[in-house]
């Protein structure tokens, strides 16, 4: 099978997913995965369809495989790190979630979604201060709310030390 044929089949599975035909997309992706077990892009798409169907246990190995290989573009890599980290969190594998999402934040420091999911994972590990710090900094830097922006410097100050009173 040529690269072009594989791309066409992946585009078809994307279309099926967009049409809400998740199971049909899943079946086609599983067949592609059997043919291309080391293909990072195929593994990523297979992980995504399982994740979207609420099959996190099945999604995790595909996310892992997609990140272990070469060939993911930056946006897919970002999505795979977020997807795997979030999946680990849902499965109660909080330490792995923190490690994966932390790696994602290191690679993509401007990604607010990765920071948000990292904060949720940190909460589950009892690292409440760090989770709040991340969320407060994210809120201060991304909110368009004029009231938040009015107090941005105070929010950023307290994000450094929630125990501060001045």
N, C-alpha and C. Protein backbone atom coordinates (compact mmCIF):
# COMPACT_ATOMS: atom_id res chain seq x y z
N UNK A 1 0.85 -1.18 0.00
CA UNK A 1 0.00 0.00 0.00
C UNK A 1 0.89 1.24 0.00
N UNK A 2 0.56 2.18 -0.84
CA UNK A 2 1.35 3.40 -0.94
C UNK A 2 0.99 4.36 0.19
N UNK A 3 1.85 5.33 0.37
CA UNK A 3 1.60 6.37 1.37
C UNK A 3 0.31 7.11 1.03
N UNK A 4 0.09 7.34 -0.24
CA UNK A 4 -1.13 8.04 -0.68
C UNK A 4 -2.38 7.23 -0.33
N UNK A 5 -2.32 5.92 -0.56
CA UNK A 5 -3.47 5.07 -0.23
C UNK A 5 -3.74 5.09 1.28
N UNK A 6 -2.69 5.04 2.07
CA UNK A 6 -2.85 5.09 3.52
C UNK A 6 -3.48 6.42 3.94
N UNK A 7 -3.02 7.52 3.35
CA UNK A 7 -3.57 8.85 3.66
C UNK A 7 -5.06 8.90 3.30
N UNK A 8 -5.41 8.33 2.16
CA UNK A 8 -6.82 8.30 1.74
C UNK A 8 -7.67 7.50 2.72
N UNK A 9 -7.14 6.37 3.18
CA UNK A 9 -7.89 5.55 4.15
C UNK A 9 -8.03 6.29 5.48
N UNK A 10 -7.00 7.00 5.91
CA UNK A 10 -7.09 7.79 7.14
C UNK A 10 -8.11 8.92 6.99
N UNK A 11 -8.13 9.55 5.82
CA UNK A 11 -9.11 10.60 5.56
C UNK A 11 -10.53 10.03 5.61
N UNK A 12 -10.69 8.83 5.09
CA UNK A 12 -12.00 8.16 5.14
C UNK A 12 -12.43 7.90 6.58
N UNK A 13 -11.50 7.46 7.42
CA UNK A 13 -11.86 7.20 8.83
C UNK A 13 -12.20 8.51 9.54
N UNK A 14 -11.51 9.59 9.18
CA UNK A 14 -11.84 10.90 9.75
C UNK A 14 -13.27 11.29 9.37
N UNK A 15 -13.61 11.08 8.12
CA UNK A 15 -14.96 11.40 7.64
C UNK A 15 -16.01 10.59 8.39
N UNK A 16 -15.73 9.30 8.57
CA UNK A 16 -16.68 8.44 9.29
C UNK A 16 -16.88 8.94 10.72
N UNK A 17 -15.80 9.32 11.36
CA UNK A 17 -15.90 9.83 12.73
C UNK A 17 -16.73 11.11 12.77
N UNK A 18 -16.49 12.02 11.81
CA UNK A 18 -17.23 13.27 11.75
C UNK A 18 -18.72 13.02 11.53
N UNK A 19 -19.05 11.95 10.84
CA UNK A 19 -20.44 11.59 10.57
C UNK A 19 -21.07 10.83 11.74
N UNK A 20 -20.30 10.59 12.79
CA UNK A 20 -20.81 9.87 13.95
C UNK A 20 -20.77 8.36 13.80
N UNK A 21 -20.07 7.88 12.83
CA UNK A 21 -19.98 6.44 12.58
C UNK A 21 -18.69 5.90 13.21
N UNK A 22 -18.63 6.04 14.53
CA UNK A 22 -17.43 5.72 15.30
C UNK A 22 -17.03 4.25 15.16
N UNK A 23 -17.98 3.37 15.29
CA UNK A 23 -17.65 1.94 15.25
C UNK A 23 -17.08 1.54 13.90
N UNK A 24 -17.64 2.07 12.84
CA UNK A 24 -17.13 1.77 11.50
C UNK A 24 -15.71 2.33 11.33
N UNK A 25 -15.48 3.53 11.83
CA UNK A 25 -14.13 4.12 11.79
C UNK A 25 -13.17 3.27 12.60
N UNK A 26 -13.63 2.84 13.76
CA UNK A 26 -12.78 2.01 14.64
C UNK A 26 -12.36 0.72 13.93
N UNK A 27 -13.32 0.05 13.30
CA UNK A 27 -13.02 -1.20 12.60
C UNK A 27 -11.99 -0.99 11.50
N UNK A 28 -12.13 0.09 10.75
CA UNK A 28 -11.18 0.36 9.67
C UNK A 28 -9.80 0.71 10.23
N UNK A 29 -9.78 1.45 11.33
CA UNK A 29 -8.50 1.81 11.92
C UNK A 29 -7.80 0.59 12.52
N UNK A 30 -8.56 -0.32 13.10
CA UNK A 30 -7.96 -1.54 13.63
C UNK A 30 -7.34 -2.37 12.50
N UNK A 31 -8.01 -2.39 11.35
CA UNK A 31 -7.45 -3.10 10.20
C UNK A 31 -6.17 -2.42 9.71
N UNK A 32 -6.17 -1.09 9.69
CA UNK A 32 -4.97 -0.35 9.30
C UNK A 32 -3.84 -0.57 10.29
N UNK A 33 -4.18 -0.60 11.57
CA UNK A 33 -3.17 -0.83 12.61
C UNK A 33 -2.53 -2.20 12.44
N UNK A 34 -3.32 -3.18 12.06
CA UNK A 34 -2.77 -4.52 11.84
C UNK A 34 -1.78 -4.51 10.67
N UNK A 35 -2.07 -3.70 9.66
CA UNK A 35 -1.18 -3.61 8.50
C UNK A 35 0.04 -2.74 8.76
N UNK A 36 -0.13 -1.73 9.63
CA UNK A 36 0.95 -0.77 9.91
C UNK A 36 1.14 -0.64 11.42
N UNK A 37 1.62 -1.69 12.08
CA UNK A 37 1.70 -1.67 13.55
C UNK A 37 2.67 -0.63 14.12
N UNK A 38 3.62 -0.17 13.32
CA UNK A 38 4.60 0.80 13.82
C UNK A 38 4.35 2.21 13.30
N UNK A 39 3.23 2.44 12.67
CA UNK A 39 2.93 3.75 12.10
C UNK A 39 2.32 4.64 13.18
N UNK A 40 3.01 5.71 13.52
CA UNK A 40 2.58 6.60 14.60
C UNK A 40 1.25 7.29 14.29
N UNK A 41 1.07 7.70 13.06
CA UNK A 41 -0.16 8.40 12.69
C UNK A 41 -1.38 7.47 12.77
N UNK A 42 -1.23 6.26 12.29
CA UNK A 42 -2.32 5.28 12.37
C UNK A 42 -2.62 4.97 13.84
N UNK A 43 -1.58 4.79 14.64
CA UNK A 43 -1.78 4.51 16.07
C UNK A 43 -2.50 5.66 16.75
N UNK A 44 -2.13 6.90 16.41
CA UNK A 44 -2.78 8.07 17.02
C UNK A 44 -4.26 8.12 16.67
N UNK A 45 -4.58 7.94 15.42
CA UNK A 45 -5.99 7.98 15.00
C UNK A 45 -6.78 6.84 15.67
N UNK A 46 -6.14 5.69 15.80
CA UNK A 46 -6.80 4.55 16.45
C UNK A 46 -7.04 4.86 17.93
N UNK A 47 -6.08 5.49 18.57
CA UNK A 47 -6.26 5.90 19.97
C UNK A 47 -7.42 6.87 20.09
N UNK A 48 -7.46 7.84 19.20
CA UNK A 48 -8.51 8.87 19.26
C UNK A 48 -9.91 8.28 19.13
N UNK A 49 -10.09 7.34 18.21
CA UNK A 49 -11.42 6.78 18.03
C UNK A 49 -11.83 5.98 19.26
N UNK A 50 -10.89 5.25 19.86
CA UNK A 50 -11.21 4.51 21.08
C UNK A 50 -11.55 5.47 22.22
N UNK A 51 -10.77 6.53 22.34
CA UNK A 51 -10.99 7.53 23.37
C UNK A 51 -12.37 8.17 23.21
N UNK A 52 -12.72 8.55 21.99
CA UNK A 52 -14.01 9.18 21.72
C UNK A 52 -15.17 8.26 22.04
N UNK A 53 -14.93 6.96 21.97
CA UNK A 53 -15.98 5.99 22.26
C UNK A 53 -16.03 5.61 23.74
N UNK A 54 -15.17 6.23 24.56
CA UNK A 54 -15.13 5.92 25.98
C UNK A 54 -14.38 4.64 26.29
N UNK A 55 -13.55 4.20 25.37
CA UNK A 55 -12.78 2.96 25.53
C UNK A 55 -11.33 3.32 25.89
N UNK A 56 -11.18 3.98 27.04
CA UNK A 56 -9.87 4.49 27.44
C UNK A 56 -8.83 3.38 27.62
N UNK A 57 -9.24 2.25 28.17
CA UNK A 57 -8.29 1.15 28.38
C UNK A 57 -7.71 0.70 27.04
N UNK A 58 -8.53 0.65 26.01
CA UNK A 58 -8.07 0.27 24.68
C UNK A 58 -7.28 1.40 24.02
N UNK A 59 -7.60 2.64 24.33
CA UNK A 59 -6.94 3.79 23.71
C UNK A 59 -5.49 3.94 24.16
N UNK A 60 -5.23 3.69 25.43
CA UNK A 60 -3.90 3.96 26.01
C UNK A 60 -2.75 3.33 25.23
N UNK A 61 -2.80 2.03 24.91
CA UNK A 61 -1.66 1.45 24.18
C UNK A 61 -1.43 2.07 22.80
N UNK A 62 -2.50 2.52 22.15
CA UNK A 62 -2.35 3.16 20.85
C UNK A 62 -1.71 4.54 21.00
N UNK A 63 -2.12 5.29 22.03
CA UNK A 63 -1.45 6.58 22.30
C UNK A 63 0.02 6.34 22.58
N UNK A 64 0.32 5.35 23.42
CA UNK A 64 1.72 5.05 23.76
C UNK A 64 2.51 4.71 22.51
N UNK A 65 1.93 3.90 21.65
CA UNK A 65 2.60 3.50 20.41
C UNK A 65 2.82 4.72 19.50
N UNK A 66 1.84 5.60 19.45
CA UNK A 66 1.98 6.78 18.58
C UNK A 66 3.10 7.69 19.05
N UNK A 67 3.30 7.77 20.35
CA UNK A 67 4.34 8.64 20.89
C UNK A 67 5.71 7.98 20.87
N UNK A 68 5.74 6.67 20.82
CA UNK A 68 7.02 5.94 20.79
C UNK A 68 7.68 6.00 19.43
N UNK A 69 6.89 6.11 18.39
CA UNK A 69 7.43 6.12 17.05
C UNK A 69 7.65 7.52 16.53
N UNK A 70 8.22 7.59 15.36
CA UNK A 70 8.41 8.87 14.67
C UNK A 70 7.28 9.05 13.68
N UNK A 71 7.07 10.26 13.26
CA UNK A 71 6.10 10.48 12.20
C UNK A 71 4.90 11.30 12.56
N UNK A 72 4.74 11.66 13.84
CA UNK A 72 3.61 12.52 14.19
C UNK A 72 4.01 13.97 13.96
N UNK A 73 3.12 14.72 13.34
CA UNK A 73 3.32 16.16 13.24
C UNK A 73 3.13 16.79 14.60
N UNK A 74 3.49 18.05 14.72
CA UNK A 74 3.43 18.74 16.02
C UNK A 74 2.02 18.73 16.61
N UNK A 75 1.02 19.01 15.80
CA UNK A 75 -0.35 19.06 16.34
C UNK A 75 -0.83 17.69 16.80
N UNK A 76 -0.50 16.66 16.04
CA UNK A 76 -0.88 15.31 16.45
C UNK A 76 -0.11 14.89 17.70
N UNK A 77 1.16 15.27 17.78
CA UNK A 77 1.94 14.95 18.99
C UNK A 77 1.32 15.64 20.21
N UNK A 78 0.96 16.89 20.05
CA UNK A 78 0.29 17.63 21.13
C UNK A 78 -1.00 16.90 21.53
N UNK A 79 -1.77 16.51 20.56
CA UNK A 79 -3.02 15.80 20.84
C UNK A 79 -2.78 14.45 21.49
N UNK A 80 -1.73 13.76 21.07
CA UNK A 80 -1.42 12.45 21.66
C UNK A 80 -0.97 12.59 23.11
N UNK A 81 -0.17 13.60 23.41
CA UNK A 81 0.25 13.82 24.79
C UNK A 81 -0.94 14.17 25.68
N UNK A 82 -1.82 15.04 25.18
CA UNK A 82 -3.01 15.39 25.96
C UNK A 82 -3.93 14.18 26.09
N UNK A 83 -4.14 13.48 25.00
CA UNK A 83 -5.03 12.31 25.02
C UNK A 83 -4.52 11.23 25.95
N UNK A 84 -3.23 10.92 25.89
CA UNK A 84 -2.67 9.88 26.75
C UNK A 84 -2.71 10.32 28.21
N UNK A 85 -2.30 11.55 28.47
CA UNK A 85 -2.33 12.04 29.85
C UNK A 85 -3.73 12.03 30.43
N UNK A 86 -4.68 12.49 29.65
CA UNK A 86 -6.07 12.50 30.09
C UNK A 86 -6.59 11.07 30.30
N UNK A 87 -6.22 10.18 29.41
CA UNK A 87 -6.63 8.78 29.52
C UNK A 87 -6.06 8.15 30.78
N UNK A 88 -4.77 8.40 31.04
CA UNK A 88 -4.18 7.90 32.28
C UNK A 88 -4.95 8.41 33.50
N UNK A 89 -5.32 9.68 33.47
CA UNK A 89 -6.06 10.26 34.61
C UNK A 89 -7.40 9.56 34.79
N UNK A 90 -8.12 9.37 33.71
CA UNK A 90 -9.42 8.70 33.77
C UNK A 90 -9.27 7.27 34.31
N UNK A 91 -8.17 6.63 33.95
CA UNK A 91 -7.93 5.25 34.40
C UNK A 91 -7.36 5.17 35.82
N UNK A 92 -7.15 6.33 36.46
CA UNK A 92 -6.62 6.35 37.82
C UNK A 92 -5.11 6.19 37.88
N UNK A 93 -4.46 6.34 36.77
CA UNK A 93 -2.99 6.22 36.70
C UNK A 93 -2.41 7.64 36.79
N UNK A 94 -2.59 8.25 37.97
CA UNK A 94 -2.33 9.68 38.14
C UNK A 94 -0.87 10.07 37.97
N UNK A 95 0.04 9.27 38.47
CA UNK A 95 1.46 9.58 38.32
C UNK A 95 1.86 9.62 36.85
N UNK A 96 1.38 8.65 36.08
CA UNK A 96 1.67 8.63 34.65
C UNK A 96 1.00 9.81 33.94
N UNK A 97 -0.18 10.19 34.42
CA UNK A 97 -0.86 11.35 33.85
C UNK A 97 -0.04 12.61 34.05
N UNK A 98 0.46 12.80 35.28
CA UNK A 98 1.27 13.99 35.57
C UNK A 98 2.54 13.99 34.73
N UNK A 99 3.19 12.85 34.61
CA UNK A 99 4.44 12.77 33.83
C UNK A 99 4.16 13.08 32.36
N UNK A 100 3.13 12.50 31.80
CA UNK A 100 2.82 12.69 30.38
C UNK A 100 2.37 14.11 30.09
N UNK A 101 1.48 14.63 30.90
CA UNK A 101 0.99 15.99 30.68
C UNK A 101 2.08 17.02 30.96
N UNK A 102 2.93 16.74 31.95
CA UNK A 102 4.07 17.62 32.22
C UNK A 102 5.01 17.69 31.03
N UNK A 103 5.25 16.54 30.41
CA UNK A 103 6.08 16.50 29.20
C UNK A 103 5.41 17.32 28.10
N UNK A 104 4.09 17.20 28.01
CA UNK A 104 3.36 17.99 27.02
C UNK A 104 3.50 19.48 27.25
N UNK A 105 3.40 19.91 28.50
CA UNK A 105 3.55 21.33 28.82
C UNK A 105 4.98 21.80 28.52
N UNK A 106 5.95 20.96 28.77
CA UNK A 106 7.35 21.32 28.44
C UNK A 106 7.52 21.50 26.93
N UNK A 107 6.93 20.61 26.16
CA UNK A 107 7.07 20.68 24.71
C UNK A 107 6.21 21.78 24.09
N UNK A 108 5.05 22.04 24.71
CA UNK A 108 4.10 23.02 24.16
C UNK A 108 3.67 23.97 25.28
N UNK A 109 4.59 24.85 25.71
CA UNK A 109 4.34 25.69 26.88
C UNK A 109 3.19 26.67 26.73
N UNK A 110 2.73 26.93 25.53
CA UNK A 110 1.63 27.86 25.33
C UNK A 110 0.26 27.18 25.25
N UNK A 111 0.22 25.88 25.46
CA UNK A 111 -1.03 25.13 25.33
C UNK A 111 -1.79 25.13 26.66
N UNK A 112 -2.85 25.91 26.71
CA UNK A 112 -3.65 26.00 27.92
C UNK A 112 -4.41 24.73 28.25
N UNK A 113 -4.79 23.96 27.25
CA UNK A 113 -5.50 22.70 27.51
C UNK A 113 -4.58 21.71 28.23
N UNK A 114 -3.33 21.61 27.78
CA UNK A 114 -2.39 20.72 28.45
C UNK A 114 -2.20 21.14 29.91
N UNK A 115 -2.09 22.45 30.15
CA UNK A 115 -1.93 22.95 31.52
C UNK A 115 -3.16 22.63 32.36
N UNK A 116 -4.33 22.75 31.78
CA UNK A 116 -5.56 22.47 32.51
C UNK A 116 -5.65 21.00 32.89
N UNK A 117 -5.35 20.12 31.94
CA UNK A 117 -5.40 18.69 32.25
C UNK A 117 -4.30 18.29 33.22
N UNK A 118 -3.13 18.95 33.14
CA UNK A 118 -2.08 18.70 34.11
C UNK A 118 -2.54 19.11 35.50
N UNK A 119 -3.23 20.23 35.61
CA UNK A 119 -3.74 20.67 36.91
C UNK A 119 -4.71 19.64 37.49
N UNK A 120 -5.57 19.09 36.65
CA UNK A 120 -6.50 18.06 37.14
C UNK A 120 -5.74 16.83 37.63
N UNK A 121 -4.72 16.42 36.90
CA UNK A 121 -3.93 15.26 37.31
C UNK A 121 -3.18 15.56 38.61
N UNK A 122 -2.63 16.76 38.73
CA UNK A 122 -1.93 17.15 39.96
C UNK A 122 -2.88 17.13 41.15
N UNK A 123 -4.10 17.55 40.95
CA UNK A 123 -5.11 17.51 42.01
C UNK A 123 -5.25 16.09 42.55
N UNK A 124 -5.30 15.13 41.64
CA UNK A 124 -5.48 13.73 42.04
C UNK A 124 -4.27 13.16 42.78
N UNK A 125 -3.10 13.78 42.58
CA UNK A 125 -1.91 13.30 43.29
C UNK A 125 -1.70 14.06 44.59
N UNK A 126 -2.63 14.94 44.93
CA UNK A 126 -2.52 15.70 46.18
C UNK A 126 -1.68 16.96 46.06
N UNK A 127 -1.25 17.27 44.86
CA UNK A 127 -0.45 18.47 44.65
C UNK A 127 -1.37 19.66 44.34
N UNK A 128 -2.19 20.00 45.33
CA UNK A 128 -3.22 21.02 45.14
C UNK A 128 -2.63 22.41 44.90
N UNK A 129 -1.56 22.74 45.61
CA UNK A 129 -0.95 24.06 45.44
C UNK A 129 -0.46 24.24 44.01
N UNK A 130 0.23 23.24 43.48
CA UNK A 130 0.74 23.33 42.11
C UNK A 130 -0.41 23.38 41.10
N UNK A 131 -1.46 22.62 41.35
CA UNK A 131 -2.62 22.64 40.46
C UNK A 131 -3.25 24.03 40.43
N UNK A 132 -3.43 24.62 41.61
CA UNK A 132 -4.01 25.97 41.68
C UNK A 132 -3.08 26.98 41.02
N UNK A 133 -1.78 26.86 41.24
CA UNK A 133 -0.81 27.78 40.64
C UNK A 133 -0.95 27.78 39.12
N UNK A 134 -0.99 26.58 38.56
CA UNK A 134 -1.13 26.46 37.10
C UNK A 134 -2.42 27.12 36.61
N UNK A 135 -3.52 26.82 37.28
CA UNK A 135 -4.81 27.35 36.83
C UNK A 135 -4.90 28.86 37.01
N UNK A 136 -4.37 29.38 38.12
CA UNK A 136 -4.41 30.83 38.33
C UNK A 136 -3.57 31.56 37.28
N UNK A 137 -2.39 31.04 36.99
CA UNK A 137 -1.55 31.66 35.95
C UNK A 137 -2.23 31.59 34.58
N UNK A 138 -2.85 30.47 34.30
CA UNK A 138 -3.54 30.32 33.03
C UNK A 138 -4.72 31.30 32.95
N UNK A 139 -5.48 31.40 34.01
CA UNK A 139 -6.61 32.32 34.05
C UNK A 139 -6.14 33.76 33.85
N UNK A 140 -5.10 34.14 34.57
CA UNK A 140 -4.61 35.51 34.47
C UNK A 140 -4.09 35.84 33.07
N UNK A 141 -3.49 34.88 32.43
CA UNK A 141 -2.89 35.16 31.12
C UNK A 141 -3.83 34.99 29.94
N UNK A 142 -4.94 34.29 30.13
CA UNK A 142 -5.81 34.02 28.97
C UNK A 142 -7.21 34.60 29.07
N UNK A 143 -7.62 35.02 30.24
CA UNK A 143 -9.00 35.49 30.40
C UNK A 143 -9.21 36.84 29.73
N UNK A 144 -10.32 36.97 29.05
CA UNK A 144 -10.73 38.25 28.48
C UNK A 144 -11.66 39.00 29.42
N UNK A 145 -11.98 38.38 30.53
CA UNK A 145 -12.86 39.02 31.50
C UNK A 145 -12.19 40.28 32.05
N UNK A 146 -12.83 41.42 31.91
CA UNK A 146 -12.20 42.67 32.33
C UNK A 146 -11.94 42.71 33.82
N UNK A 147 -12.77 42.04 34.59
CA UNK A 147 -12.57 42.01 36.03
C UNK A 147 -11.34 41.18 36.40
N UNK A 148 -11.16 40.07 35.72
CA UNK A 148 -9.96 39.25 35.95
C UNK A 148 -8.73 40.06 35.55
N UNK A 149 -8.79 40.70 34.40
CA UNK A 149 -7.64 41.47 33.93
C UNK A 149 -7.32 42.64 34.87
N UNK A 150 -8.33 43.20 35.47
CA UNK A 150 -8.13 44.30 36.44
C UNK A 150 -7.27 43.84 37.62
N UNK A 151 -7.44 42.57 38.00
CA UNK A 151 -6.70 42.03 39.15
C UNK A 151 -5.62 41.04 38.73
N UNK A 152 -5.20 41.13 37.49
CA UNK A 152 -4.23 40.17 36.96
C UNK A 152 -2.95 40.12 37.79
N UNK A 153 -2.39 41.26 38.12
CA UNK A 153 -1.12 41.23 38.87
C UNK A 153 -1.31 40.60 40.24
N UNK A 154 -2.44 40.85 40.88
CA UNK A 154 -2.71 40.22 42.19
C UNK A 154 -2.88 38.71 42.04
N UNK A 155 -3.59 38.28 41.02
CA UNK A 155 -3.79 36.85 40.78
C UNK A 155 -2.44 36.18 40.53
N UNK A 156 -1.61 36.80 39.71
CA UNK A 156 -0.28 36.24 39.44
C UNK A 156 0.57 36.20 40.70
N UNK A 157 0.46 37.22 41.55
CA UNK A 157 1.20 37.25 42.81
C UNK A 157 0.78 36.08 43.70
N UNK A 158 -0.51 35.91 43.86
CA UNK A 158 -1.00 34.83 44.72
C UNK A 158 -0.78 33.45 44.11
N UNK A 159 -0.67 33.38 42.80
CA UNK A 159 -0.37 32.10 42.17
C UNK A 159 0.99 31.59 42.62
N UNK A 160 1.92 32.51 42.89
CA UNK A 160 3.26 32.12 43.37
C UNK A 160 3.19 31.57 44.79
N UNK A 161 2.33 32.14 45.62
CA UNK A 161 2.23 31.73 47.01
C UNK A 161 0.80 31.95 47.50
N UNK A 162 0.01 30.91 47.47
CA UNK A 162 -1.40 31.04 47.89
C UNK A 162 -1.56 31.38 49.37
N UNK A 163 -0.49 31.17 50.14
CA UNK A 163 -0.56 31.47 51.57
C UNK A 163 -0.25 32.93 51.87
N UNK A 164 0.19 33.70 50.86
CA UNK A 164 0.52 35.10 51.07
C UNK A 164 -0.74 35.88 51.40
N UNK A 165 -0.61 36.84 52.26
CA UNK A 165 -1.76 37.68 52.62
C UNK A 165 -1.59 39.09 52.13
N UNK A 166 -0.44 39.41 51.58
CA UNK A 166 -0.24 40.75 51.03
C UNK A 166 0.32 40.67 49.65
